[in-house]
Amino acid sequence: MRITVAHNRTKAAAIESVERSFNEMFQEAAGLPVRLAVKQKSWQGSTLSFQLTAKMGLFSTPIKGTVEVTDRDLIVDADLGLLNRLLPEKTIQEVIGGRIKGLLN
């Protein structure tokens, strides 16, 4: 899954926003019947690598990916694992993309 969200901040300010609000961005994925828990995150330059666990009832699956911050965009690339079979990717993109936009404002 890939989500690209434009921003109008400096690259440094966008990185700071992602760092500050990463947990909120994914843990409070309102609109999805899934709870996401952050397992790991680390920065390498302007790219954040992360690992999450998605829980839906008794079902659990790992999610891993990156958030790349460019001068104009935030680009989220994520492997949704088995979650992609339970929920439409478009729905996940809309919910997470909306959360990112809200946190950048």
PDB file of N, CA and C in Angstrom:
ATOM      1  N   MET A   1       0.850  -1.162   0.000  1.00  0.00           N
ATOM      2  CA  MET A   1       0.000   0.000   0.000  1.00  0.00           C
ATOM      3  C   MET A   1       0.896   1.225   0.000  1.00  0.00           C
ATOM      4  N   ARG A   2       0.527   2.209  -0.786  1.00  0.00           N
ATOM      5  CA  ARG A   2       1.267   3.473  -0.832  1.00  0.00           C
ATOM      6  C   ARG A   2       0.272   4.623  -0.661  1.00  0.00           C
ATOM      7  N   ILE A   3       0.655   5.551   0.224  1.00  0.00           N
ATOM      8  CA  ILE A   3      -0.123   6.762   0.447  1.00  0.00           C
ATOM      9  C   ILE A   3       0.833   7.930   0.297  1.00  0.00           C
ATOM     10  N   THR A   4       0.469   8.915  -0.526  1.00  0.00           N
ATOM     11  CA  THR A   4       1.265  10.126  -0.674  1.00  0.00           C
ATOM     12  C   THR A   4       0.404  11.303  -0.252  1.00  0.00           C
ATOM     13  N   VAL A   5       0.921  12.090   0.702  1.00  0.00           N
ATOM     14  CA  VAL A   5       0.208  13.256   1.210  1.00  0.00           C
ATOM     15  C   VAL A   5       1.123  14.465   1.061  1.00  0.00           C
ATOM     16  N   ALA A   6       0.633  15.494   0.361  1.00  0.00           N
ATOM     17  CA  ALA A   6       1.415  16.716   0.186  1.00  0.00           C
ATOM     18  C   ALA A   6       1.445  17.511   1.489  1.00  0.00           C
ATOM     19  N   HIS A   7       2.555  18.214   1.715  1.00  0.00           N
ATOM     20  CA  HIS A   7       2.643  19.100   2.876  1.00  0.00           C
ATOM     21  C   HIS A   7       3.243  20.425   2.435  1.00  0.00           C
ATOM     22  N   ASN A   8       3.014  21.464   3.222  1.00  0.00           N
ATOM     23  CA  ASN A   8       3.547  22.788   2.888  1.00  0.00           C
ATOM     24  C   ASN A   8       4.499  23.279   3.981  1.00  0.00           C
ATOM     25  N   ARG A   9       5.161  22.365   4.646  1.00  0.00           N
ATOM     26  CA  ARG A   9       6.109  22.675   5.706  1.00  0.00           C
ATOM     27  C   ARG A   9       7.530  22.509   5.189  1.00  0.00           C
ATOM     28  N   THR A  10       8.483  22.970   5.989  1.00  0.00           N
ATOM     29  CA  THR A  10       9.866  22.642   5.650  1.00  0.00           C
ATOM     30  C   THR A  10      10.036  21.145   5.887  1.00  0.00           C
ATOM     31  N   LYS A  11      11.045  20.588   5.276  1.00  0.00           N
ATOM     32  CA  LYS A  11      11.292  19.154   5.441  1.00  0.00           C
ATOM     33  C   LYS A  11      11.543  18.835   6.918  1.00  0.00           C
ATOM     34  N   ALA A  12      12.322  19.682   7.593  1.00  0.00           N
ATOM     35  CA  ALA A  12      12.621  19.461   9.016  1.00  0.00           C
ATOM     36  C   ALA A  12      11.354  19.517   9.859  1.00  0.00           C
ATOM     37  N   ALA A  13      10.466  20.458   9.568  1.00  0.00           N
ATOM     38  CA  ALA A  13       9.210  20.572  10.325  1.00  0.00           C
ATOM     39  C   ALA A  13       8.304  19.373  10.055  1.00  0.00           C
ATOM     40  N   ALA A  14       8.297  18.884   8.823  1.00  0.00           N
ATOM     41  CA  ALA A  14       7.486  17.705   8.492  1.00  0.00           C
ATOM     42  C   ALA A  14       8.023  16.467   9.217  1.00  0.00           C
ATOM     43  N   ILE A  15       9.347  16.329   9.278  1.00  0.00           N
ATOM     44  CA  ILE A  15       9.947  15.199  10.003  1.00  0.00           C
ATOM     45  C   ILE A  15       9.573  15.279  11.481  1.00  0.00           C
ATOM     46  N   GLU A  16       9.655  16.468  12.047  1.00  0.00           N
ATOM     47  CA  GLU A  16       9.299  16.654  13.455  1.00  0.00           C
ATOM     48  C   GLU A  16       7.829  16.297  13.702  1.00  0.00           C
ATOM     49  N   SER A  17       6.951  16.677  12.787  1.00  0.00           N
ATOM     50  CA  SER A  17       5.527  16.345  12.918  1.00  0.00           C
ATOM     51  C   SER A  17       5.294  14.844  12.869  1.00  0.00           C
ATOM     52  N   VAL A  18       5.987  14.162  11.961  1.00  0.00           N
ATOM     53  CA  VAL A  18       5.839  12.707  11.856  1.00  0.00           C
ATOM     54  C   VAL A  18       6.327  12.056  13.143  1.00  0.00           C
ATOM     55  N   GLU A  19       7.479  12.490  13.641  1.00  0.00           N
ATOM     56  CA  GLU A  19       8.029  11.911  14.874  1.00  0.00           C
ATOM     57  C   GLU A  19       7.081  12.130  16.051  1.00  0.00           C
ATOM     58  N   ARG A  20       6.568  13.341  16.174  1.00  0.00           N
ATOM     59  CA  ARG A  20       5.710  13.696  17.301  1.00  0.00           C
ATOM     60  C   ARG A  20       4.370  12.956  17.262  1.00  0.00           C
ATOM     61  N   SER A  21       3.833  12.756  16.084  1.00  0.00           N
ATOM     62  CA  SER A  21       2.473  12.231  15.998  1.00  0.00           C
ATOM     63  C   SER A  21       2.370  10.837  15.389  1.00  0.00           C
ATOM     64  N   PHE A  22       3.489  10.127  15.232  1.00  0.00           N
ATOM     65  CA  PHE A  22       3.470   8.804  14.606  1.00  0.00           C
ATOM     66  C   PHE A  22       2.526   7.843  15.326  1.00  0.00           C
ATOM     67  N   ASN A  23       2.669   7.730  16.642  1.00  0.00           N
ATOM     68  CA  ASN A  23       1.831   6.793  17.393  1.00  0.00           C
ATOM     69  C   ASN A  23       0.361   7.142  17.237  1.00  0.00           C
ATOM     70  N   GLU A  24       0.042   8.411  17.317  1.00  0.00           N
ATOM     71  CA  GLU A  24      -1.349   8.849  17.169  1.00  0.00           C
ATOM     72  C   GLU A  24      -1.862   8.557  15.757  1.00  0.00           C
ATOM     73  N   MET A  25      -0.989   8.746  14.776  1.00  0.00           N
ATOM     74  CA  MET A  25      -1.367   8.543  13.379  1.00  0.00           C
ATOM     75  C   MET A  25      -1.870   7.123  13.138  1.00  0.00           C
ATOM     76  N   PHE A  26      -1.214   6.147  13.762  1.00  0.00           N
ATOM     77  CA  PHE A  26      -1.558   4.760  13.501  1.00  0.00           C
ATOM     78  C   PHE A  26      -2.384   4.114  14.609  1.00  0.00           C
ATOM     79  N   GLN A  27      -2.140   4.449  15.852  1.00  0.00           N
ATOM     80  CA  GLN A  27      -2.855   3.788  16.937  1.00  0.00           C
ATOM     81  C   GLN A  27      -4.320   4.175  16.983  1.00  0.00           C
ATOM     82  N   GLU A  28      -4.634   5.377  16.601  1.00  0.00           N
ATOM     83  CA  GLU A  28      -6.018   5.823  16.654  1.00  0.00           C
ATOM     84  C   GLU A  28      -6.609   5.868  15.250  1.00  0.00           C
ATOM     85  N   ALA A  29      -6.578   4.751  14.585  1.00  0.00           N
ATOM     86  CA  ALA A  29      -7.084   4.660  13.212  1.00  0.00           C
ATOM     87  C   ALA A  29      -8.603   4.543  13.232  1.00  0.00           C
ATOM     88  N   ALA A  30      -9.247   5.620  13.657  1.00  0.00           N
ATOM     89  CA  ALA A  30     -10.709   5.632  13.708  1.00  0.00           C
ATOM     90  C   ALA A  30     -11.262   5.321  12.323  1.00  0.00           C
ATOM     91  N   GLY A  31     -12.295   4.551  12.291  1.00  0.00           N
ATOM     92  CA  GLY A  31     -12.873   4.174  11.013  1.00  0.00           C
ATOM     93  C   GLY A  31     -12.454   2.787  10.560  1.00  0.00           C
ATOM     94  N   LEU A  32     -11.457   2.220  11.238  1.00  0.00           N
ATOM     95  CA  LEU A  32     -11.032   0.864  10.930  1.00  0.00           C
ATOM     96  C   LEU A  32     -11.338  -0.029  12.132  1.00  0.00           C
ATOM     97  N   PRO A  33     -11.842  -1.233  11.889  1.00  0.00           N
ATOM     98  CA  PRO A  33     -12.142  -2.148  12.995  1.00  0.00           C
ATOM     99  C   PRO A  33     -10.895  -2.886  13.475  1.00  0.00           C
ATOM    100  N   VAL A  34      -9.789  -2.168  13.563  1.00  0.00           N
ATOM    101  CA  VAL A  34      -8.484  -2.756  13.850  1.00  0.00           C
ATOM    102  C   VAL A  34      -7.769  -1.896  14.889  1.00  0.00           C
ATOM    103  N   ARG A  35      -7.039  -2.556  15.776  1.00  0.00           N
ATOM    104  CA  ARG A  35      -6.164  -1.833  16.695  1.00  0.00           C
ATOM    105  C   ARG A  35      -4.738  -2.039  16.217  1.00  0.00           C
ATOM    106  N   LEU A  36      -3.992  -0.940  16.120  1.00  0.00           N
ATOM    107  CA  LEU A  36      -2.608  -1.003  15.672  1.00  0.00           C
ATOM    108  C   LEU A  36      -1.687  -0.670  16.835  1.00  0.00           C
ATOM    109  N   ALA A  37      -0.674  -1.486  17.030  1.00  0.00           N
ATOM    110  CA  ALA A  37       0.314  -1.257  18.084  1.00  0.00           C
ATOM    111  C   ALA A  37       1.684  -1.079  17.445  1.00  0.00           C
ATOM    112  N   VAL A  38       2.379  -0.019  17.834  1.00  0.00           N
ATOM    113  CA  VAL A  38       3.717   0.244  17.314  1.00  0.00           C
ATOM    114  C   VAL A  38       4.710  -0.670  18.015  1.00  0.00           C
ATOM    115  N   LYS A  39       5.439  -1.462  17.241  1.00  0.00           N
ATOM    116  CA  LYS A  39       6.440  -2.380  17.779  1.00  0.00           C
ATOM    117  C   LYS A  39       7.846  -1.799  17.673  1.00  0.00           C
ATOM    118  N   GLN A  40       8.111  -1.064  16.596  1.00  0.00           N
ATOM    119  CA  GLN A  40       9.448  -0.531  16.372  1.00  0.00           C
ATOM    120  C   GLN A  40       9.352   0.627  15.403  1.00  0.00           C
ATOM    121  N   LYS A  41      10.200   1.650  15.609  1.00  0.00           N
ATOM    122  CA  LYS A  41      10.348   2.723  14.632  1.00  0.00           C
ATOM    123  C   LYS A  41      11.741   3.300  14.761  1.00  0.00           C
ATOM    124  N   SER A  42      12.349   3.649  13.627  1.00  0.00           N
ATOM    125  CA  SER A  42      13.686   4.237  13.639  1.00  0.00           C
ATOM    126  C   SER A  42      13.871   5.091  12.385  1.00  0.00           C
ATOM    127  N   TRP A  43      14.611   6.172  12.561  1.00  0.00           N
ATOM    128  CA  TRP A  43      14.889   7.102  11.461  1.00  0.00           C
ATOM    129  C   TRP A  43      16.254   6.812  10.841  1.00  0.00           C
ATOM    130  N   GLN A  44      16.313   6.926   9.539  1.00  0.00           N
ATOM    131  CA  GLN A  44      17.568   6.926   8.801  1.00  0.00           C
ATOM    132  C   GLN A  44      17.453   8.089   7.824  1.00  0.00           C
ATOM    133  N   GLY A  45      18.077   9.208   8.183  1.00  0.00           N
ATOM    134  CA  GLY A  45      17.921  10.422   7.377  1.00  0.00           C
ATOM    135  C   GLY A  45      16.488  10.902   7.464  1.00  0.00           C
ATOM    136  N   SER A  46      15.844  11.058   6.325  1.00  0.00           N
ATOM    137  CA  SER A  46      14.461  11.546   6.292  1.00  0.00           C
ATOM    138  C   SER A  46      13.451  10.419   6.069  1.00  0.00           C
ATOM    139  N   THR A  47      13.861   9.184   6.345  1.00  0.00           N
ATOM    140  CA  THR A  47      12.970   8.028   6.186  1.00  0.00           C
ATOM    141  C   THR A  47      12.801   7.311   7.526  1.00  0.00           C
ATOM    142  N   LEU A  48      11.558   7.154   7.917  1.00  0.00           N
ATOM    143  CA  LEU A  48      11.209   6.436   9.139  1.00  0.00           C
ATOM    144  C   LEU A  48      10.802   5.018   8.763  1.00  0.00           C
ATOM    145  N   SER A  49      11.478   4.028   9.346  1.00  0.00           N
ATOM    146  CA  SER A  49      11.084   2.625   9.174  1.00  0.00           C
ATOM    147  C   SER A  49      10.266   2.228  10.392  1.00  0.00           C
ATOM    148  N   PHE A  50       9.220   1.434  10.176  1.00  0.00           N
ATOM    149  CA  PHE A  50       8.370   1.051  11.301  1.00  0.00           C
ATOM    150  C   PHE A  50       7.881  -0.381  11.170  1.00  0.00           C
ATOM    151  N   GLN A  51       7.505  -0.936  12.335  1.00  0.00           N
ATOM    152  CA  GLN A  51       6.839  -2.230  12.404  1.00  0.00           C
ATOM    153  C   GLN A  51       5.666  -2.064  13.357  1.00  0.00           C
ATOM    154  N   LEU A  52       4.508  -2.522  12.922  1.00  0.00           N
ATOM    155  CA  LEU A  52       3.290  -2.468  13.712  1.00  0.00           C
ATOM    156  C   LEU A  52       2.705  -3.859  13.823  1.00  0.00           C
ATOM    157  N   THR A  53       1.790  -4.029  14.755  1.00  0.00           N
ATOM    158  CA  THR A  53       0.971  -5.228  14.811  1.00  0.00           C
ATOM    159  C   THR A  53      -0.480  -4.783  14.691  1.00  0.00           C
ATOM    160  N   ALA A  54      -1.202  -5.373  13.763  1.00  0.00           N
ATOM    161  CA  ALA A  54      -2.631  -5.085  13.586  1.00  0.00           C
ATOM    162  C   ALA A  54      -3.421  -6.195  14.253  1.00  0.00           C
ATOM    163  N   LYS A  55      -4.356  -5.804  15.114  1.00  0.00           N
ATOM    164  CA  LYS A  55      -5.187  -6.790  15.804  1.00  0.00           C
ATOM    165  C   LYS A  55      -6.650  -6.521  15.475  1.00  0.00           C
ATOM    166  N   MET A  56      -7.336  -7.599  15.125  1.00  0.00           N
ATOM    167  CA  MET A  56      -8.749  -7.542  14.788  1.00  0.00           C
ATOM    168  C   MET A  56      -9.378  -8.788  15.400  1.00  0.00           C
ATOM    169  N   GLY A  57     -10.022  -8.607  16.564  1.00  0.00           N
ATOM    170  CA  GLY A  57     -10.552  -9.764  17.284  1.00  0.00           C
ATOM    171  C   GLY A  57      -9.409 -10.648  17.734  1.00  0.00           C
ATOM    172  N   LEU A  58      -9.458 -11.919  17.415  1.00  0.00           N
ATOM    173  CA  LEU A  58      -8.393 -12.846  17.772  1.00  0.00           C
ATOM    174  C   LEU A  58      -7.269 -12.872  16.740  1.00  0.00           C
ATOM    175  N   PHE A  59      -7.485 -12.204  15.629  1.00  0.00           N
ATOM    176  CA  PHE A  59      -6.540 -12.193  14.516  1.00  0.00           C
ATOM    177  C   PHE A  59      -5.466 -11.119  14.737  1.00  0.00           C
ATOM    178  N   SER A  60      -4.217 -11.447  14.426  1.00  0.00           N
ATOM    179  CA  SER A  60      -3.101 -10.509  14.553  1.00  0.00           C
ATOM    180  C   SER A  60      -2.161 -10.703  13.371  1.00  0.00           C
ATOM    181  N   THR A  61      -1.654  -9.597  12.800  1.00  0.00           N
ATOM    182  CA  THR A  61      -0.722  -9.688  11.679  1.00  0.00           C
ATOM    183  C   THR A  61       0.284  -8.546  11.755  1.00  0.00           C
ATOM    184  N   PRO A  62       1.536  -8.811  11.377  1.00  0.00           N
ATOM    185  CA  PRO A  62       2.530  -7.742  11.368  1.00  0.00           C
ATOM    186  C   PRO A  62       2.362  -6.840  10.145  1.00  0.00           C
ATOM    187  N   ILE A  63       2.702  -5.577  10.327  1.00  0.00           N
ATOM    188  CA  ILE A  63       2.731  -4.591   9.245  1.00  0.00           C
ATOM    189  C   ILE A  63       4.085  -3.910   9.335  1.00  0.00           C
ATOM    190  N   LYS A  64       4.746  -3.760   8.205  1.00  0.00           N
ATOM    191  CA  LYS A  64       6.009  -3.031   8.222  1.00  0.00           C
ATOM    192  C   LYS A  64       6.070  -2.107   7.024  1.00  0.00           C
ATOM    193  N   GLY A  65       6.834  -1.039   7.199  1.00  0.00           N
ATOM    194  CA  GLY A  65       6.930  -0.092   6.112  1.00  0.00           C
ATOM    195  C   GLY A  65       7.806   1.094   6.430  1.00  0.00           C
ATOM    196  N   THR A  66       7.665   2.125   5.601  1.00  0.00           N
ATOM    197  CA  THR A  66       8.449   3.340   5.751  1.00  0.00           C
ATOM    198  C   THR A  66       7.570   4.567   5.557  1.00  0.00           C
ATOM    199  N   VAL A  67       8.023   5.673   6.138  1.00  0.00           N
ATOM    200  CA  VAL A  67       7.455   6.992   5.865  1.00  0.00           C
ATOM    201  C   VAL A  67       8.624   7.837   5.376  1.00  0.00           C
ATOM    202  N   GLU A  68       8.584   8.211   4.114  1.00  0.00           N
ATOM    203  CA  GLU A  68       9.636   9.052   3.545  1.00  0.00           C
ATOM    204  C   GLU A  68       9.146  10.491   3.517  1.00  0.00           C
ATOM    205  N   VAL A  69       9.958  11.402   4.035  1.00  0.00           N
ATOM    206  CA  VAL A  69       9.619  12.821   4.033  1.00  0.00           C
ATOM    207  C   VAL A  69      10.457  13.493   2.959  1.00  0.00           C
ATOM    208  N   THR A  70       9.779  14.066   1.958  1.00  0.00           N
ATOM    209  CA  THR A  70      10.474  14.834   0.924  1.00  0.00           C
ATOM    210  C   THR A  70      10.162  16.310   1.147  1.00  0.00           C
ATOM    211  N   ASP A  71      10.675  17.159   0.286  1.00  0.00           N
ATOM    212  CA  ASP A  71      10.433  18.594   0.422  1.00  0.00           C
ATOM    213  C   ASP A  71       8.954  18.950   0.271  1.00  0.00           C
ATOM    214  N   ARG A  72       8.177  18.102  -0.399  1.00  0.00           N
ATOM    215  CA  ARG A  72       6.770  18.407  -0.666  1.00  0.00           C
ATOM    216  C   ARG A  72       5.771  17.365  -0.176  1.00  0.00           C
ATOM    217  N   ASP A  73       6.224  16.129   0.032  1.00  0.00           N
ATOM    218  CA  ASP A  73       5.295  15.038   0.323  1.00  0.00           C
ATOM    219  C   ASP A  73       5.753  14.175   1.495  1.00  0.00           C
ATOM    220  N   LEU A  74       4.770  13.486   2.076  1.00  0.00           N
ATOM    221  CA  LEU A  74       5.017  12.353   2.960  1.00  0.00           C
ATOM    222  C   LEU A  74       4.573  11.136   2.173  1.00  0.00           C
ATOM    223  N   ILE A  75       5.442  10.152   2.052  1.00  0.00           N
ATOM    224  CA  ILE A  75       5.131   8.957   1.286  1.00  0.00           C
ATOM    225  C   ILE A  75       5.189   7.763   2.227  1.00  0.00           C
ATOM    226  N   VAL A  76       4.033   7.140   2.449  1.00  0.00           N
ATOM    227  CA  VAL A  76       3.946   5.967   3.311  1.00  0.00           C
ATOM    228  C   VAL A  76       3.872   4.737   2.417  1.00  0.00           C
ATOM    229  N   ASP A  77       4.825   3.838   2.593  1.00  0.00           N
ATOM    230  CA  ASP A  77       4.812   2.538   1.914  1.00  0.00           C
ATOM    231  C   ASP A  77       4.700   1.488   3.004  1.00  0.00           C
ATOM    232  N   ALA A  78       3.690   0.634   2.905  1.00  0.00           N
ATOM    233  CA  ALA A  78       3.495  -0.372   3.947  1.00  0.00           C
ATOM    234  C   ALA A  78       3.059  -1.703   3.350  1.00  0.00           C
ATOM    235  N   ASP A  79       3.616  -2.763   3.903  1.00  0.00           N
ATOM    236  CA  ASP A  79       3.182  -4.119   3.598  1.00  0.00           C
ATOM    237  C   ASP A  79       2.154  -4.468   4.669  1.00  0.00           C
ATOM    238  N   LEU A  80       0.904  -4.591   4.270  1.00  0.00           N
ATOM    239  CA  LEU A  80      -0.193  -4.801   5.214  1.00  0.00           C
ATOM    240  C   LEU A  80      -0.345  -6.240   5.667  1.00  0.00           C
ATOM    241  N   GLY A  81       0.467  -7.119   5.141  1.00  0.00           N
ATOM    242  CA  GLY A  81       0.353  -8.523   5.530  1.00  0.00           C
ATOM    243  C   GLY A  81      -1.038  -9.057   5.214  1.00  0.00           C
ATOM    244  N   LEU A  82      -1.570  -9.869   6.113  1.00  0.00           N
ATOM    245  CA  LEU A  82      -2.889 -10.476   5.907  1.00  0.00           C
ATOM    246  C   LEU A  82      -4.039  -9.493   6.098  1.00  0.00           C
ATOM    247  N   LEU A  83      -3.752  -8.321   6.682  1.00  0.00           N
ATOM    248  CA  LEU A  83      -4.796  -7.311   6.872  1.00  0.00           C
ATOM    249  C   LEU A  83      -5.407  -6.914   5.534  1.00  0.00           C
ATOM    250  N   ASN A  84      -4.608  -6.960   4.494  1.00  0.00           N
ATOM    251  CA  ASN A  84      -5.069  -6.616   3.150  1.00  0.00           C
ATOM    252  C   ASN A  84      -6.188  -7.536   2.672  1.00  0.00           C
ATOM    253  N   ARG A  85      -6.270  -8.734   3.228  1.00  0.00           N
ATOM    254  CA  ARG A  85      -7.329  -9.677   2.837  1.00  0.00           C
ATOM    255  C   ARG A  85      -8.619  -9.439   3.625  1.00  0.00           C
ATOM    256  N   LEU A  86      -8.496  -8.778   4.780  1.00  0.00           N
ATOM    257  CA  LEU A  86      -9.665  -8.567   5.643  1.00  0.00           C
ATOM    258  C   LEU A  86     -10.358  -7.227   5.406  1.00  0.00           C
ATOM    259  N   LEU A  87      -9.583  -6.235   5.001  1.00  0.00           N
ATOM    260  CA  LEU A  87     -10.129  -4.895   4.772  1.00  0.00           C
ATOM    261  C   LEU A  87      -9.695  -4.407   3.399  1.00  0.00           C
ATOM    262  N   PRO A  88     -10.565  -3.673   2.711  1.00  0.00           N
ATOM    263  CA  PRO A  88     -10.169  -3.144   1.402  1.00  0.00           C
ATOM    264  C   PRO A  88      -9.017  -2.143   1.545  1.00  0.00           C
ATOM    265  N   GLU A  89      -8.010  -2.278   0.702  1.00  0.00           N
ATOM    266  CA  GLU A  89      -6.845  -1.389   0.759  1.00  0.00           C
ATOM    267  C   GLU A  89      -7.256   0.070   0.596  1.00  0.00           C
ATOM    268  N   LYS A  90      -8.230   0.328  -0.253  1.00  0.00           N
ATOM    269  CA  LYS A  90      -8.695   1.705  -0.470  1.00  0.00           C
ATOM    270  C   LYS A  90      -9.221   2.319   0.831  1.00  0.00           C
ATOM    271  N   THR A  91      -9.949   1.544   1.622  1.00  0.00           N
ATOM    272  CA  THR A  91     -10.461   2.028   2.909  1.00  0.00           C
ATOM    273  C   THR A  91      -9.309   2.365   3.844  1.00  0.00           C
ATOM    274  N   ILE A  92      -8.325   1.487   3.912  1.00  0.00           N
ATOM    275  CA  ILE A  92      -7.159   1.725   4.768  1.00  0.00           C
ATOM    276  C   ILE A  92      -6.422   2.984   4.309  1.00  0.00           C
ATOM    277  N   GLN A  93      -6.234   3.136   3.003  1.00  0.00           N
ATOM    278  CA  GLN A  93      -5.566   4.316   2.464  1.00  0.00           C
ATOM    279  C   GLN A  93      -6.319   5.592   2.832  1.00  0.00           C
ATOM    280  N   GLU A  94      -7.636   5.579   2.703  1.00  0.00           N
ATOM    281  CA  GLU A  94      -8.437   6.770   3.006  1.00  0.00           C
ATOM    282  C   GLU A  94      -8.352   7.136   4.485  1.00  0.00           C
ATOM    283  N   VAL A  95      -8.453   6.151   5.358  1.00  0.00           N
ATOM    284  CA  VAL A  95      -8.430   6.423   6.797  1.00  0.00           C
ATOM    285  C   VAL A  95      -7.057   6.920   7.242  1.00  0.00           C
ATOM    286  N   ILE A  96      -6.005   6.197   6.870  1.00  0.00           N
ATOM    287  CA  ILE A  96      -4.661   6.599   7.295  1.00  0.00           C
ATOM    288  C   ILE A  96      -4.262   7.911   6.621  1.00  0.00           C
ATOM    289  N   GLY A  97      -4.574   8.061   5.333  1.00  0.00           N
ATOM    290  CA  GLY A  97      -4.285   9.315   4.626  1.00  0.00           C
ATOM    291  C   GLY A  97      -4.986  10.494   5.276  1.00  0.00           C
ATOM    292  N   GLY A  98      -6.237  10.312   5.679  1.00  0.00           N
ATOM    293  CA  GLY A  98      -6.976  11.369   6.364  1.00  0.00           C
ATOM    294  C   GLY A  98      -6.353  11.726   7.701  1.00  0.00           C
ATOM    295  N   ARG A  99      -5.887  10.710   8.438  1.00  0.00           N
ATOM    296  CA  ARG A  99      -5.219  10.955   9.728  1.00  0.00           C
ATOM    297  C   ARG A  99      -3.932  11.761   9.516  1.00  0.00           C
ATOM    298  N   ILE A 100      -3.175  11.401   8.496  1.00  0.00           N
ATOM    299  CA  ILE A 100      -1.921  12.110   8.221  1.00  0.00           C
ATOM    300  C   ILE A 100      -2.207  13.571   7.899  1.00  0.00           C
ATOM    301  N   LYS A 101      -3.184  13.823   7.026  1.00  0.00           N
ATOM    302  CA  LYS A 101      -3.532  15.199   6.671  1.00  0.00           C
ATOM    303  C   LYS A 101      -3.954  15.991   7.900  1.00  0.00           C
ATOM    304  N   GLY A 102      -4.745  15.373   8.754  1.00  0.00           N
ATOM    305  CA  GLY A 102      -5.205  16.050   9.965  1.00  0.00           C
ATOM    306  C   GLY A 102      -4.068  16.379  10.918  1.00  0.00           C
ATOM    307  N   LEU A 103      -3.097  15.518  11.012  1.00  0.00           N
ATOM    308  CA  LEU A 103      -1.970  15.741  11.912  1.00  0.00           C
ATOM    309  C   LEU A 103      -0.973  16.767  11.372  1.00  0.00           C
ATOM    310  N   LEU A 104      -0.981  16.966  10.071  1.00  0.00           N
ATOM    311  CA  LEU A 104      -0.070  17.954   9.464  1.00  0.00           C
ATOM    312  C   LEU A 104      -0.638  19.362   9.532  1.00  0.00           C
ATOM    313  N   ASN A 105      -1.916  19.500   9.791  1.00  0.00           N
ATOM    314  CA  ASN A 105      -2.531  20.834   9.851  1.00  0.00           C
ATOM    315  C   ASN A 105      -2.269  21.517  11.173  1.00  0.00           C
TER     316      ASN A 105
END
